[in-house]
Amino acid sequence: MRYRTFNAFVVSAALVFLAPLLLTACGDTSKPKPEFLSTDISDVNFGEDFRLTDHNGNVRTLSDFKGKVVVLFFGYTHCPDVCPATMSNLATAMDKLGPDAARVQVLFVTVDPERDTPPVLQQYLSAFNPTFLGLSGSAQATKAVTKEFKIVAQKQPGEAAGHHTVDHSTGTYIFDTNGKLRLYVTSDKDADVFAHDISELLKTSA
């Protein structure tokens, strides 16, 4: 009985001594928790990868950009409003980031590969920022990647051949430097939101 009592005393004393250290260790965070202005979707189980060809003819996957924050938008070059508005916001955000922009890769995935050939994508994106990359694939590959990222893209016939439009999802996905999908930015957000949230991800990845 005395042996058990002594052991209980030692354990209790040890816990009293270690408690402050354990609390300090649990509360010790080397990096501040990011405060995002867009929607945190870190817990989703989709959008894990893609395999498409960039406008320079190189096959690309998400792992190619590890170490950078990746901004992924689905659209098409003939889009009359939300696509150019989003690219413009991202171009302004890159300017706001200054030197940190070198640690960011903006990717534009076309939902209209029929018209958005690599040269068309390159010309379109260079008007916003020369570092932006256009990605495309076959009809099958495009269908697969839109399914993976929960993107709706539906072709609507135009008045003449080649003048169709594409109804599509308009949000933007952002990955952290480890290739983890973290944020969803709705199309009503401006360049300040993009710059702020990208900066927050870069801080926590430094």
N, C-alpha and C. Protein backbone atom coordinates (compact mmCIF):
# COMPACT_ATOMS: atom_id res chain seq x y z
N MET A 1 0.83 -1.20 0.00
CA MET A 1 0.00 0.00 0.00
C MET A 1 0.86 1.25 0.00
N ARG A 2 1.95 1.24 0.84
CA ARG A 2 2.82 2.41 0.89
C ARG A 2 3.50 2.62 -0.46
N TYR A 3 3.85 1.51 -1.16
CA TYR A 3 4.51 1.60 -2.47
C TYR A 3 3.60 2.27 -3.48
N ARG A 4 2.34 1.88 -3.48
CA ARG A 4 1.37 2.48 -4.40
C ARG A 4 1.15 3.96 -4.08
N THR A 5 1.07 4.26 -2.79
CA THR A 5 0.86 5.66 -2.37
C THR A 5 2.03 6.52 -2.82
N PHE A 6 3.24 5.97 -2.67
CA PHE A 6 4.43 6.72 -3.06
C PHE A 6 4.45 6.97 -4.56
N ASN A 7 4.11 5.93 -5.34
CA ASN A 7 4.07 6.08 -6.80
C ASN A 7 3.04 7.11 -7.22
N ALA A 8 1.88 7.11 -6.58
CA ALA A 8 0.83 8.08 -6.90
C ALA A 8 1.32 9.48 -6.61
N PHE A 9 2.06 9.62 -5.49
CA PHE A 9 2.58 10.94 -5.12
C PHE A 9 3.58 11.44 -6.15
N VAL A 10 4.47 10.52 -6.60
CA VAL A 10 5.49 10.90 -7.59
C VAL A 10 4.84 11.32 -8.90
N VAL A 11 3.86 10.53 -9.35
CA VAL A 11 3.16 10.86 -10.59
C VAL A 11 2.46 12.20 -10.49
N SER A 12 1.79 12.44 -9.37
CA SER A 12 1.06 13.70 -9.17
C SER A 12 2.02 14.87 -9.16
N ALA A 13 3.13 14.70 -8.44
CA ALA A 13 4.12 15.78 -8.39
C ALA A 13 4.69 16.07 -9.76
N ALA A 14 4.94 15.00 -10.51
CA ALA A 14 5.51 15.18 -11.86
C ALA A 14 4.54 15.92 -12.76
N LEU A 15 3.25 15.59 -12.67
CA LEU A 15 2.25 16.27 -13.49
C LEU A 15 2.14 17.74 -13.13
N VAL A 16 2.23 18.03 -11.84
CA VAL A 16 2.17 19.43 -11.41
C VAL A 16 3.34 20.22 -11.98
N PHE A 17 4.51 19.56 -11.97
CA PHE A 17 5.71 20.23 -12.48
C PHE A 17 5.69 20.40 -13.99
N LEU A 18 5.18 19.36 -14.67
CA LEU A 18 5.23 19.37 -16.13
C LEU A 18 4.07 20.12 -16.77
N ALA A 19 2.99 20.31 -16.03
CA ALA A 19 1.79 20.93 -16.61
C ALA A 19 2.08 22.25 -17.31
N PRO A 20 2.80 23.19 -16.64
CA PRO A 20 3.07 24.45 -17.33
C PRO A 20 3.88 24.27 -18.60
N LEU A 21 4.81 23.29 -18.57
CA LEU A 21 5.62 23.04 -19.77
C LEU A 21 4.79 22.45 -20.89
N LEU A 22 3.87 21.54 -20.52
CA LEU A 22 3.01 20.94 -21.52
C LEU A 22 2.08 21.97 -22.13
N LEU A 23 1.56 22.85 -21.30
CA LEU A 23 0.66 23.90 -21.80
C LEU A 23 1.41 24.85 -22.72
N THR A 24 2.67 25.15 -22.32
CA THR A 24 3.48 26.05 -23.14
C THR A 24 3.76 25.40 -24.48
N ALA A 25 4.08 24.10 -24.47
CA ALA A 25 4.38 23.41 -25.72
C ALA A 25 3.18 23.34 -26.63
N CYS A 26 1.99 23.07 -26.03
CA CYS A 26 0.78 22.98 -26.84
C CYS A 26 0.41 24.32 -27.43
N GLY A 27 0.67 25.38 -26.70
CA GLY A 27 0.29 26.71 -27.16
C GLY A 27 1.37 27.39 -27.96
N ASP A 28 2.52 26.72 -28.10
CA ASP A 28 3.64 27.33 -28.78
C ASP A 28 3.50 27.13 -30.28
N THR A 29 3.15 28.15 -30.98
CA THR A 29 3.02 28.07 -32.44
C THR A 29 4.08 28.94 -33.07
N SER A 30 4.94 28.32 -33.86
CA SER A 30 6.04 29.06 -34.47
C SER A 30 5.56 29.99 -35.58
N LYS A 31 4.37 29.70 -36.13
CA LYS A 31 3.84 30.55 -37.20
C LYS A 31 2.44 31.01 -36.84
N PRO A 32 2.14 32.27 -37.09
CA PRO A 32 0.80 32.77 -36.75
C PRO A 32 -0.28 32.13 -37.62
N LYS A 33 -1.45 31.96 -37.04
CA LYS A 33 -2.56 31.41 -37.79
C LYS A 33 -3.02 32.43 -38.82
N PRO A 34 -3.12 32.04 -40.09
CA PRO A 34 -3.52 33.00 -41.13
C PRO A 34 -4.97 33.45 -40.97
N GLU A 35 -5.21 34.69 -41.33
CA GLU A 35 -6.56 35.25 -41.30
C GLU A 35 -6.95 35.57 -42.74
N PHE A 36 -7.78 34.72 -43.31
CA PHE A 36 -8.13 34.85 -44.72
C PHE A 36 -9.38 35.70 -44.92
N LEU A 37 -9.45 36.36 -46.06
CA LEU A 37 -10.63 37.13 -46.44
C LEU A 37 -11.54 36.34 -47.37
N SER A 38 -11.02 35.27 -47.95
CA SER A 38 -11.83 34.39 -48.79
C SER A 38 -12.20 33.14 -47.99
N THR A 39 -12.76 32.15 -48.65
CA THR A 39 -13.27 30.97 -47.94
C THR A 39 -12.20 29.90 -47.78
N ASP A 40 -11.98 29.50 -46.53
CA ASP A 40 -11.01 28.44 -46.23
C ASP A 40 -11.67 27.09 -46.50
N ILE A 41 -11.11 26.34 -47.45
CA ILE A 41 -11.65 25.02 -47.81
C ILE A 41 -10.60 23.93 -47.59
N SER A 42 -9.77 24.12 -46.59
CA SER A 42 -8.66 23.20 -46.33
C SER A 42 -9.11 21.77 -46.10
N ASP A 43 -10.34 21.58 -45.68
CA ASP A 43 -10.81 20.23 -45.34
C ASP A 43 -11.46 19.47 -46.50
N VAL A 44 -11.51 20.07 -47.69
CA VAL A 44 -12.16 19.38 -48.80
C VAL A 44 -11.30 18.22 -49.28
N ASN A 45 -11.93 17.24 -49.91
CA ASN A 45 -11.20 16.06 -50.40
C ASN A 45 -11.25 15.95 -51.91
N PHE A 46 -11.24 17.09 -52.60
CA PHE A 46 -11.19 17.08 -54.06
C PHE A 46 -10.10 18.05 -54.50
N GLY A 47 -9.91 18.12 -55.82
CA GLY A 47 -8.91 19.06 -56.35
C GLY A 47 -7.49 18.73 -55.94
N GLU A 48 -7.15 17.44 -56.00
CA GLU A 48 -5.83 17.03 -55.53
C GLU A 48 -4.75 17.14 -56.60
N ASP A 49 -5.11 17.11 -57.87
CA ASP A 49 -4.08 17.20 -58.91
C ASP A 49 -4.72 17.42 -60.27
N PHE A 50 -3.88 17.66 -61.26
CA PHE A 50 -4.32 17.79 -62.64
C PHE A 50 -3.16 17.36 -63.54
N ARG A 51 -3.46 17.09 -64.78
CA ARG A 51 -2.44 16.76 -65.77
C ARG A 51 -2.87 17.38 -67.09
N LEU A 52 -2.29 18.52 -67.40
CA LEU A 52 -2.66 19.30 -68.59
C LEU A 52 -1.39 19.83 -69.25
N THR A 53 -1.56 20.39 -70.43
CA THR A 53 -0.41 20.94 -71.16
C THR A 53 -0.45 22.46 -71.11
N ASP A 54 0.70 23.06 -70.78
CA ASP A 54 0.73 24.53 -70.71
C ASP A 54 0.89 25.12 -72.11
N HIS A 55 0.81 26.45 -72.21
CA HIS A 55 0.82 27.05 -73.54
C HIS A 55 2.20 27.04 -74.19
N ASN A 56 3.20 26.51 -73.45
CA ASN A 56 4.53 26.33 -74.04
C ASN A 56 4.75 24.90 -74.52
N GLY A 57 3.72 24.06 -74.36
CA GLY A 57 3.81 22.68 -74.82
C GLY A 57 4.31 21.69 -73.78
N ASN A 58 4.44 22.12 -72.52
CA ASN A 58 4.93 21.25 -71.46
C ASN A 58 3.78 20.63 -70.68
N VAL A 59 3.84 19.32 -70.42
CA VAL A 59 2.84 18.65 -69.60
C VAL A 59 3.06 19.08 -68.16
N ARG A 60 1.98 19.48 -67.49
CA ARG A 60 2.09 20.01 -66.14
C ARG A 60 1.19 19.26 -65.16
N THR A 61 1.72 19.08 -63.95
CA THR A 61 0.93 18.58 -62.83
C THR A 61 1.15 19.54 -61.67
N LEU A 62 0.36 19.37 -60.63
CA LEU A 62 0.46 20.28 -59.48
C LEU A 62 1.84 20.24 -58.84
N SER A 63 2.47 19.08 -58.83
CA SER A 63 3.77 18.95 -58.18
C SER A 63 4.85 19.79 -58.84
N ASP A 64 4.65 20.17 -60.10
CA ASP A 64 5.63 21.02 -60.79
C ASP A 64 5.80 22.37 -60.11
N PHE A 65 4.81 22.78 -59.36
CA PHE A 65 4.83 24.12 -58.78
C PHE A 65 5.00 24.10 -57.26
N LYS A 66 5.46 22.98 -56.73
CA LYS A 66 5.68 22.88 -55.29
C LYS A 66 6.68 23.94 -54.84
N GLY A 67 6.39 24.58 -53.74
CA GLY A 67 7.22 25.68 -53.26
C GLY A 67 6.62 27.03 -53.59
N LYS A 68 5.57 27.00 -54.44
CA LYS A 68 4.87 28.23 -54.79
C LYS A 68 3.40 28.14 -54.39
N VAL A 69 2.81 29.28 -54.12
CA VAL A 69 1.35 29.35 -54.00
C VAL A 69 0.80 29.28 -55.41
N VAL A 70 -0.15 28.38 -55.63
CA VAL A 70 -0.74 28.21 -56.96
C VAL A 70 -2.16 28.73 -56.97
N VAL A 71 -2.45 29.59 -57.93
CA VAL A 71 -3.78 30.17 -58.11
C VAL A 71 -4.37 29.56 -59.37
N LEU A 72 -5.50 28.88 -59.24
CA LEU A 72 -6.06 28.11 -60.35
C LEU A 72 -7.45 28.64 -60.70
N PHE A 73 -7.60 29.05 -61.96
CA PHE A 73 -8.88 29.59 -62.43
C PHE A 73 -9.29 28.87 -63.70
N PHE A 74 -10.57 28.54 -63.80
CA PHE A 74 -11.13 27.90 -65.00
C PHE A 74 -11.94 28.93 -65.78
N GLY A 75 -11.61 29.08 -67.05
CA GLY A 75 -12.33 30.05 -67.87
C GLY A 75 -12.03 29.83 -69.35
N TYR A 76 -12.25 30.84 -70.15
CA TYR A 76 -11.94 30.74 -71.58
C TYR A 76 -11.70 32.13 -72.14
N THR A 77 -10.91 32.21 -73.20
CA THR A 77 -10.44 33.51 -73.68
C THR A 77 -11.53 34.36 -74.32
N HIS A 78 -12.62 33.74 -74.77
CA HIS A 78 -13.71 34.51 -75.37
C HIS A 78 -14.74 34.95 -74.32
N CYS A 79 -14.48 34.66 -73.07
CA CYS A 79 -15.38 35.06 -71.99
C CYS A 79 -15.47 36.59 -71.95
N PRO A 80 -16.69 37.13 -71.93
CA PRO A 80 -16.84 38.58 -72.05
C PRO A 80 -16.65 39.37 -70.76
N ASP A 81 -16.71 38.72 -69.60
CA ASP A 81 -16.72 39.53 -68.38
C ASP A 81 -15.88 38.97 -67.23
N VAL A 82 -16.34 37.88 -66.62
CA VAL A 82 -15.71 37.45 -65.37
C VAL A 82 -14.28 36.96 -65.55
N CYS A 83 -13.97 36.36 -66.68
CA CYS A 83 -12.60 35.86 -66.90
C CYS A 83 -11.59 37.00 -67.00
N PRO A 84 -11.81 37.98 -67.88
CA PRO A 84 -10.84 39.08 -67.92
C PRO A 84 -10.82 39.88 -66.62
N ALA A 85 -11.95 39.99 -65.94
CA ALA A 85 -11.98 40.72 -64.67
C ALA A 85 -11.13 40.00 -63.63
N THR A 86 -11.24 38.67 -63.57
CA THR A 86 -10.45 37.90 -62.61
C THR A 86 -8.97 37.96 -62.94
N MET A 87 -8.62 37.82 -64.20
CA MET A 87 -7.21 37.91 -64.58
C MET A 87 -6.63 39.29 -64.29
N SER A 88 -7.44 40.30 -64.49
CA SER A 88 -7.00 41.66 -64.18
C SER A 88 -6.77 41.84 -62.68
N ASN A 89 -7.68 41.29 -61.88
CA ASN A 89 -7.50 41.35 -60.42
C ASN A 89 -6.24 40.61 -59.98
N LEU A 90 -5.99 39.48 -60.60
CA LEU A 90 -4.80 38.71 -60.25
C LEU A 90 -3.52 39.43 -60.69
N ALA A 91 -3.56 40.07 -61.82
CA ALA A 91 -2.40 40.84 -62.28
C ALA A 91 -2.10 41.98 -61.30
N THR A 92 -3.15 42.65 -60.85
CA THR A 92 -2.97 43.74 -59.87
C THR A 92 -2.46 43.19 -58.55
N ALA A 93 -2.98 42.02 -58.15
CA ALA A 93 -2.53 41.39 -56.91
C ALA A 93 -1.05 41.05 -56.97
N MET A 94 -0.60 40.57 -58.12
CA MET A 94 0.82 40.25 -58.28
C MET A 94 1.67 41.50 -58.12
N ASP A 95 1.20 42.61 -58.65
CA ASP A 95 1.91 43.88 -58.49
C ASP A 95 1.99 44.27 -57.01
N LYS A 96 0.89 44.07 -56.30
CA LYS A 96 0.84 44.42 -54.88
C LYS A 96 1.78 43.55 -54.05
N LEU A 97 1.99 42.31 -54.48
CA LEU A 97 2.85 41.40 -53.73
C LEU A 97 4.33 41.74 -53.87
N GLY A 98 4.68 42.49 -54.87
CA GLY A 98 6.08 42.89 -55.06
C GLY A 98 6.97 41.68 -55.30
N PRO A 99 8.12 41.61 -54.61
CA PRO A 99 9.05 40.48 -54.81
C PRO A 99 8.44 39.12 -54.50
N ASP A 100 7.44 39.08 -53.61
CA ASP A 100 6.80 37.81 -53.26
C ASP A 100 6.04 37.19 -54.43
N ALA A 101 5.78 37.98 -55.46
CA ALA A 101 5.06 37.45 -56.63
C ALA A 101 5.85 36.34 -57.31
N ALA A 102 7.16 36.33 -57.11
CA ALA A 102 8.00 35.29 -57.70
C ALA A 102 7.71 33.92 -57.09
N ARG A 103 7.01 33.91 -55.95
CA ARG A 103 6.66 32.65 -55.27
C ARG A 103 5.21 32.27 -55.52
N VAL A 104 4.64 32.82 -56.58
CA VAL A 104 3.23 32.57 -56.92
C VAL A 104 3.14 32.16 -58.39
N GLN A 105 2.28 31.18 -58.68
CA GLN A 105 2.02 30.81 -60.07
C GLN A 105 0.53 30.84 -60.33
N VAL A 106 0.12 31.68 -61.26
CA VAL A 106 -1.27 31.75 -61.69
C VAL A 106 -1.46 30.83 -62.89
N LEU A 107 -2.47 29.97 -62.80
CA LEU A 107 -2.78 29.03 -63.88
C LEU A 107 -4.20 29.26 -64.37
N PHE A 108 -4.35 29.35 -65.67
CA PHE A 108 -5.65 29.56 -66.32
C PHE A 108 -5.97 28.30 -67.10
N VAL A 109 -6.97 27.54 -66.63
CA VAL A 109 -7.37 26.31 -67.30
C VAL A 109 -8.54 26.61 -68.23
N THR A 110 -8.36 26.37 -69.51
CA THR A 110 -9.44 26.67 -70.44
C THR A 110 -10.52 25.59 -70.41
N VAL A 111 -11.76 26.03 -70.43
CA VAL A 111 -12.90 25.12 -70.56
C VAL A 111 -13.40 25.12 -72.00
N ASP A 112 -12.60 25.74 -72.89
CA ASP A 112 -12.95 25.83 -74.30
C ASP A 112 -11.73 25.47 -75.16
N PRO A 113 -11.22 24.24 -75.00
CA PRO A 113 -9.99 23.87 -75.71
C PRO A 113 -10.14 23.87 -77.23
N GLU A 114 -11.38 23.83 -77.71
CA GLU A 114 -11.63 23.87 -79.15
C GLU A 114 -11.07 25.16 -79.77
N ARG A 115 -11.26 26.26 -79.08
CA ARG A 115 -10.78 27.55 -79.61
C ARG A 115 -9.50 28.03 -78.93
N ASP A 116 -9.32 27.63 -77.66
CA ASP A 116 -8.17 28.13 -76.89
C ASP A 116 -6.94 27.26 -77.11
N THR A 117 -6.32 27.44 -78.26
CA THR A 117 -5.09 26.73 -78.58
C THR A 117 -3.95 27.35 -77.75
N PRO A 118 -2.82 26.68 -77.64
CA PRO A 118 -1.69 27.25 -76.89
C PRO A 118 -1.31 28.66 -77.32
N PRO A 119 -1.19 28.97 -78.62
CA PRO A 119 -0.85 30.34 -78.99
C PRO A 119 -1.91 31.35 -78.55
N VAL A 120 -3.18 30.96 -78.63
CA VAL A 120 -4.25 31.86 -78.20
C VAL A 120 -4.16 32.12 -76.70
N LEU A 121 -3.92 31.08 -75.92
CA LEU A 121 -3.78 31.23 -74.47
C LEU A 121 -2.58 32.11 -74.11
N GLN A 122 -1.48 31.89 -74.79
CA GLN A 122 -0.27 32.68 -74.50
C GLN A 122 -0.51 34.17 -74.79
N GLN A 123 -1.11 34.46 -75.93
CA GLN A 123 -1.38 35.85 -76.28
C GLN A 123 -2.35 36.49 -75.30
N TYR A 124 -3.37 35.75 -74.92
CA TYR A 124 -4.39 36.27 -74.00
C TYR A 124 -3.79 36.58 -72.63
N LEU A 125 -3.05 35.64 -72.07
CA LEU A 125 -2.54 35.80 -70.71
C LEU A 125 -1.39 36.78 -70.62
N SER A 126 -0.59 36.88 -71.67
CA SER A 126 0.53 37.83 -71.64
C SER A 126 0.05 39.27 -71.54
N ALA A 127 -1.19 39.50 -71.94
CA ALA A 127 -1.75 40.85 -71.81
C ALA A 127 -2.00 41.23 -70.36
N PHE A 128 -2.09 40.22 -69.49
CA PHE A 128 -2.31 40.48 -68.06
C PHE A 128 -1.00 40.41 -67.28
N ASN A 129 -0.26 39.32 -67.49
CA ASN A 129 1.01 39.14 -66.80
C ASN A 129 1.80 38.05 -67.53
N PRO A 130 3.04 38.31 -67.89
CA PRO A 130 3.80 37.33 -68.69
C PRO A 130 4.11 36.03 -67.95
N THR A 131 3.94 36.01 -66.63
CA THR A 131 4.21 34.78 -65.87
C THR A 131 3.00 33.86 -65.78
N PHE A 132 1.82 34.36 -66.14
CA PHE A 132 0.62 33.52 -66.08
C PHE A 132 0.73 32.40 -67.12
N LEU A 133 0.29 31.21 -66.72
CA LEU A 133 0.35 30.06 -67.63
C LEU A 133 -1.06 29.60 -67.99
N GLY A 134 -1.26 29.33 -69.27
CA GLY A 134 -2.51 28.74 -69.72
C GLY A 134 -2.38 27.24 -69.81
N LEU A 135 -3.39 26.52 -69.35
CA LEU A 135 -3.38 25.06 -69.40
C LEU A 135 -4.56 24.57 -70.22
N SER A 136 -4.33 23.53 -71.00
CA SER A 136 -5.40 22.97 -71.82
C SER A 136 -5.21 21.47 -71.97
N GLY A 137 -6.24 20.82 -72.47
CA GLY A 137 -6.19 19.38 -72.70
C GLY A 137 -7.22 18.99 -73.72
N SER A 138 -7.27 17.72 -74.01
CA SER A 138 -8.29 17.22 -74.93
C SER A 138 -9.66 17.39 -74.28
N ALA A 139 -10.70 17.13 -75.05
CA ALA A 139 -12.05 17.22 -74.50
C ALA A 139 -12.20 16.28 -73.31
N GLN A 140 -11.60 15.10 -73.42
CA GLN A 140 -11.68 14.11 -72.33
C GLN A 140 -10.91 14.60 -71.10
N ALA A 141 -9.72 15.14 -71.32
CA ALA A 141 -8.91 15.63 -70.21
C ALA A 141 -9.57 16.83 -69.54
N THR A 142 -10.19 17.68 -70.34
CA THR A 142 -10.89 18.85 -69.79
C THR A 142 -12.07 18.40 -68.94
N LYS A 143 -12.79 17.43 -69.41
CA LYS A 143 -13.92 16.90 -68.64
C LYS A 143 -13.46 16.30 -67.33
N ALA A 144 -12.33 15.60 -67.37
CA ALA A 144 -11.80 14.97 -66.16
C ALA A 144 -11.36 16.00 -65.13
N VAL A 145 -10.69 17.05 -65.58
CA VAL A 145 -10.18 18.03 -64.62
C VAL A 145 -11.31 18.90 -64.06
N THR A 146 -12.32 19.21 -64.88
CA THR A 146 -13.45 19.97 -64.34
C THR A 146 -14.23 19.15 -63.33
N LYS A 147 -14.31 17.85 -63.57
CA LYS A 147 -14.97 16.97 -62.59
C LYS A 147 -14.18 16.91 -61.30
N GLU A 148 -12.86 16.81 -61.40
CA GLU A 148 -12.00 16.74 -60.22
C GLU A 148 -12.12 17.98 -59.34
N PHE A 149 -12.32 19.14 -59.99
CA PHE A 149 -12.38 20.39 -59.25
C PHE A 149 -13.81 20.93 -59.09
N LYS A 150 -14.80 20.08 -59.34
CA LYS A 150 -16.20 20.46 -59.14
C LYS A 150 -16.59 21.69 -59.96
N ILE A 151 -16.07 21.76 -61.18
CA ILE A 151 -16.33 22.90 -62.06
C ILE A 151 -17.45 22.55 -63.03
N VAL A 152 -18.41 23.45 -63.15
CA VAL A 152 -19.47 23.31 -64.14
C VAL A 152 -19.06 24.08 -65.39
N ALA A 153 -19.10 23.43 -66.53
CA ALA A 153 -18.76 24.09 -67.80
C ALA A 153 -19.67 23.52 -68.88
N GLN A 154 -20.54 24.37 -69.41
CA GLN A 154 -21.52 23.91 -70.40
C GLN A 154 -21.50 24.83 -71.63
N LYS A 155 -21.22 24.24 -72.77
CA LYS A 155 -21.15 24.98 -74.02
C LYS A 155 -22.55 25.39 -74.48
N GLN A 156 -22.66 26.66 -74.87
CA GLN A 156 -23.93 27.19 -75.38
C GLN A 156 -23.73 27.62 -76.83
N PRO A 157 -24.58 27.14 -77.76
CA PRO A 157 -24.40 27.47 -79.18
C PRO A 157 -24.59 28.96 -79.45
N GLY A 158 -23.81 29.45 -80.40
CA GLY A 158 -23.94 30.85 -80.80
C GLY A 158 -24.73 30.98 -82.09
N GLU A 159 -24.78 32.19 -82.61
CA GLU A 159 -25.54 32.44 -83.83
C GLU A 159 -24.86 31.84 -85.05
N ALA A 160 -23.55 31.66 -84.96
CA ALA A 160 -22.79 31.07 -86.08
C ALA A 160 -21.75 30.11 -85.52
N ALA A 161 -21.25 29.25 -86.39
CA ALA A 161 -20.23 28.28 -85.98
C ALA A 161 -19.00 29.00 -85.43
N GLY A 162 -18.48 28.51 -84.31
CA GLY A 162 -17.30 29.12 -83.71
C GLY A 162 -17.59 30.32 -82.84
N HIS A 163 -18.86 30.64 -82.65
CA HIS A 163 -19.24 31.80 -81.84
C HIS A 163 -20.00 31.39 -80.59
N HIS A 164 -19.73 30.19 -80.11
CA HIS A 164 -20.42 29.71 -78.92
C HIS A 164 -19.88 30.39 -77.66
N THR A 165 -20.62 30.25 -76.60
CA THR A 165 -20.17 30.70 -75.29
C THR A 165 -20.11 29.48 -74.38
N VAL A 166 -19.52 29.65 -73.20
CA VAL A 166 -19.43 28.56 -72.24
C VAL A 166 -19.86 29.08 -70.87
N ASP A 167 -20.94 28.52 -70.37
CA ASP A 167 -21.34 28.82 -69.00
C ASP A 167 -20.44 28.01 -68.07
N HIS A 168 -19.82 28.68 -67.11
CA HIS A 168 -18.86 27.96 -66.26
C HIS A 168 -18.80 28.55 -64.85
N SER A 169 -18.29 27.75 -63.94
CA SER A 169 -18.06 28.21 -62.57
C SER A 169 -17.04 29.34 -62.59
N THR A 170 -17.18 30.29 -61.68
CA THR A 170 -16.36 31.50 -61.78
C THR A 170 -15.44 31.75 -60.59
N GLY A 171 -15.38 30.81 -59.65
CA GLY A 171 -14.50 30.99 -58.50
C GLY A 171 -13.06 30.61 -58.81
N THR A 172 -12.18 30.97 -57.90
CA THR A 172 -10.76 30.70 -58.05
C THR A 172 -10.26 29.86 -56.88
N TYR A 173 -9.44 28.86 -57.17
CA TYR A 173 -8.84 28.03 -56.14
C TYR A 173 -7.41 28.49 -55.86
N ILE A 174 -7.01 28.40 -54.59
CA ILE A 174 -5.64 28.74 -54.23
C ILE A 174 -5.04 27.60 -53.40
N PHE A 175 -3.85 27.14 -53.79
CA PHE A 175 -3.12 26.09 -53.10
C PHE A 175 -1.96 26.71 -52.33
N ASP A 176 -1.60 26.09 -51.22
CA ASP A 176 -0.42 26.56 -50.49
C ASP A 176 0.84 26.01 -51.14
N THR A 177 2.00 26.32 -50.58
CA THR A 177 3.26 25.96 -51.21
C THR A 177 3.54 24.45 -51.17
N ASN A 178 2.76 23.71 -50.40
CA ASN A 178 2.90 22.26 -50.35
C ASN A 178 1.94 21.54 -51.29
N GLY A 179 1.18 22.31 -52.08
CA GLY A 179 0.25 21.71 -53.02
C GLY A 179 -1.07 21.32 -52.42
N LYS A 180 -1.39 21.89 -51.26
CA LYS A 180 -2.65 21.59 -50.58
C LYS A 180 -3.67 22.67 -50.93
N LEU A 181 -4.85 22.23 -51.38
CA LEU A 181 -5.92 23.17 -51.70
C LEU A 181 -6.41 23.83 -50.42
N ARG A 182 -6.37 25.17 -50.37
CA ARG A 182 -6.67 25.87 -49.13
C ARG A 182 -7.82 26.86 -49.23
N LEU A 183 -7.95 27.56 -50.36
CA LEU A 183 -8.90 28.66 -50.42
C LEU A 183 -9.75 28.64 -51.69
N TYR A 184 -10.96 29.19 -51.54
CA TYR A 184 -11.85 29.41 -52.68
C TYR A 184 -12.24 30.89 -52.67
N VAL A 185 -11.96 31.56 -53.77
CA VAL A 185 -12.23 32.99 -53.88
C VAL A 185 -13.37 33.21 -54.86
N THR A 186 -14.45 33.78 -54.40
CA THR A 186 -15.59 34.03 -55.28
C THR A 186 -15.29 35.19 -56.22
N SER A 187 -16.02 35.25 -57.31
CA SER A 187 -15.71 36.21 -58.38
C SER A 187 -15.99 37.66 -58.00
N ASP A 188 -16.67 37.88 -56.88
CA ASP A 188 -16.93 39.26 -56.48
C ASP A 188 -15.78 39.87 -55.68
N LYS A 189 -14.77 39.07 -55.35
CA LYS A 189 -13.63 39.57 -54.57
C LYS A 189 -12.65 40.30 -55.48
N ASP A 190 -11.99 41.31 -54.92
CA ASP A 190 -11.10 42.14 -55.73
C ASP A 190 -9.63 41.79 -55.53
N ALA A 191 -8.76 42.58 -56.12
CA ALA A 191 -7.33 42.32 -56.08
C ALA A 191 -6.77 42.36 -54.67
N ASP A 192 -7.33 43.20 -53.81
CA ASP A 192 -6.85 43.29 -52.43
C ASP A 192 -7.05 41.98 -51.69
N VAL A 193 -8.17 41.31 -51.95
CA VAL A 193 -8.43 40.03 -51.30
C VAL A 193 -7.41 38.98 -51.76
N PHE A 194 -7.18 38.92 -53.06
CA PHE A 194 -6.19 37.98 -53.58
C PHE A 194 -4.81 38.26 -52.97
N ALA A 195 -4.40 39.52 -52.99
CA ALA A 195 -3.07 39.88 -52.49
C ALA A 195 -2.94 39.54 -51.00
N HIS A 196 -3.97 39.86 -50.23
CA HIS A 196 -3.94 39.60 -48.80
C HIS A 196 -3.83 38.11 -48.50
N ASP A 197 -4.70 37.30 -49.12
CA ASP A 197 -4.73 35.87 -48.81
C ASP A 197 -3.51 35.13 -49.33
N ILE A 198 -3.02 35.51 -50.49
CA ILE A 198 -1.80 34.91 -50.99
C ILE A 198 -0.63 35.24 -50.06
N SER A 199 -0.58 36.48 -49.61
CA SER A 199 0.47 36.90 -48.68
C SER A 199 0.40 36.11 -47.39
N GLU A 200 -0.81 35.85 -46.89
CA GLU A 200 -0.98 35.07 -45.67
C GLU A 200 -0.45 33.64 -45.85
N LEU A 201 -0.74 33.05 -47.00
CA LEU A 201 -0.24 31.71 -47.28
C LEU A 201 1.29 31.69 -47.37
N LEU A 202 1.85 32.71 -47.99
CA LEU A 202 3.30 32.77 -48.11
C LEU A 202 3.97 32.94 -46.75
N LYS A 203 3.35 33.71 -45.87
CA LYS A 203 3.90 33.90 -44.52
C LYS A 203 3.95 32.59 -43.75
N THR A 204 2.89 31.82 -43.84
CA THR A 204 2.82 30.57 -43.08
C THR A 204 3.65 29.48 -43.73
N SER A 205 4.10 29.71 -44.95
CA SER A 205 4.91 28.71 -45.66
C SER A 205 6.40 29.05 -45.63
N ALA A 206 6.71 30.24 -45.11
CA ALA A 206 8.11 30.69 -45.14
C ALA A 206 8.99 29.83 -44.23
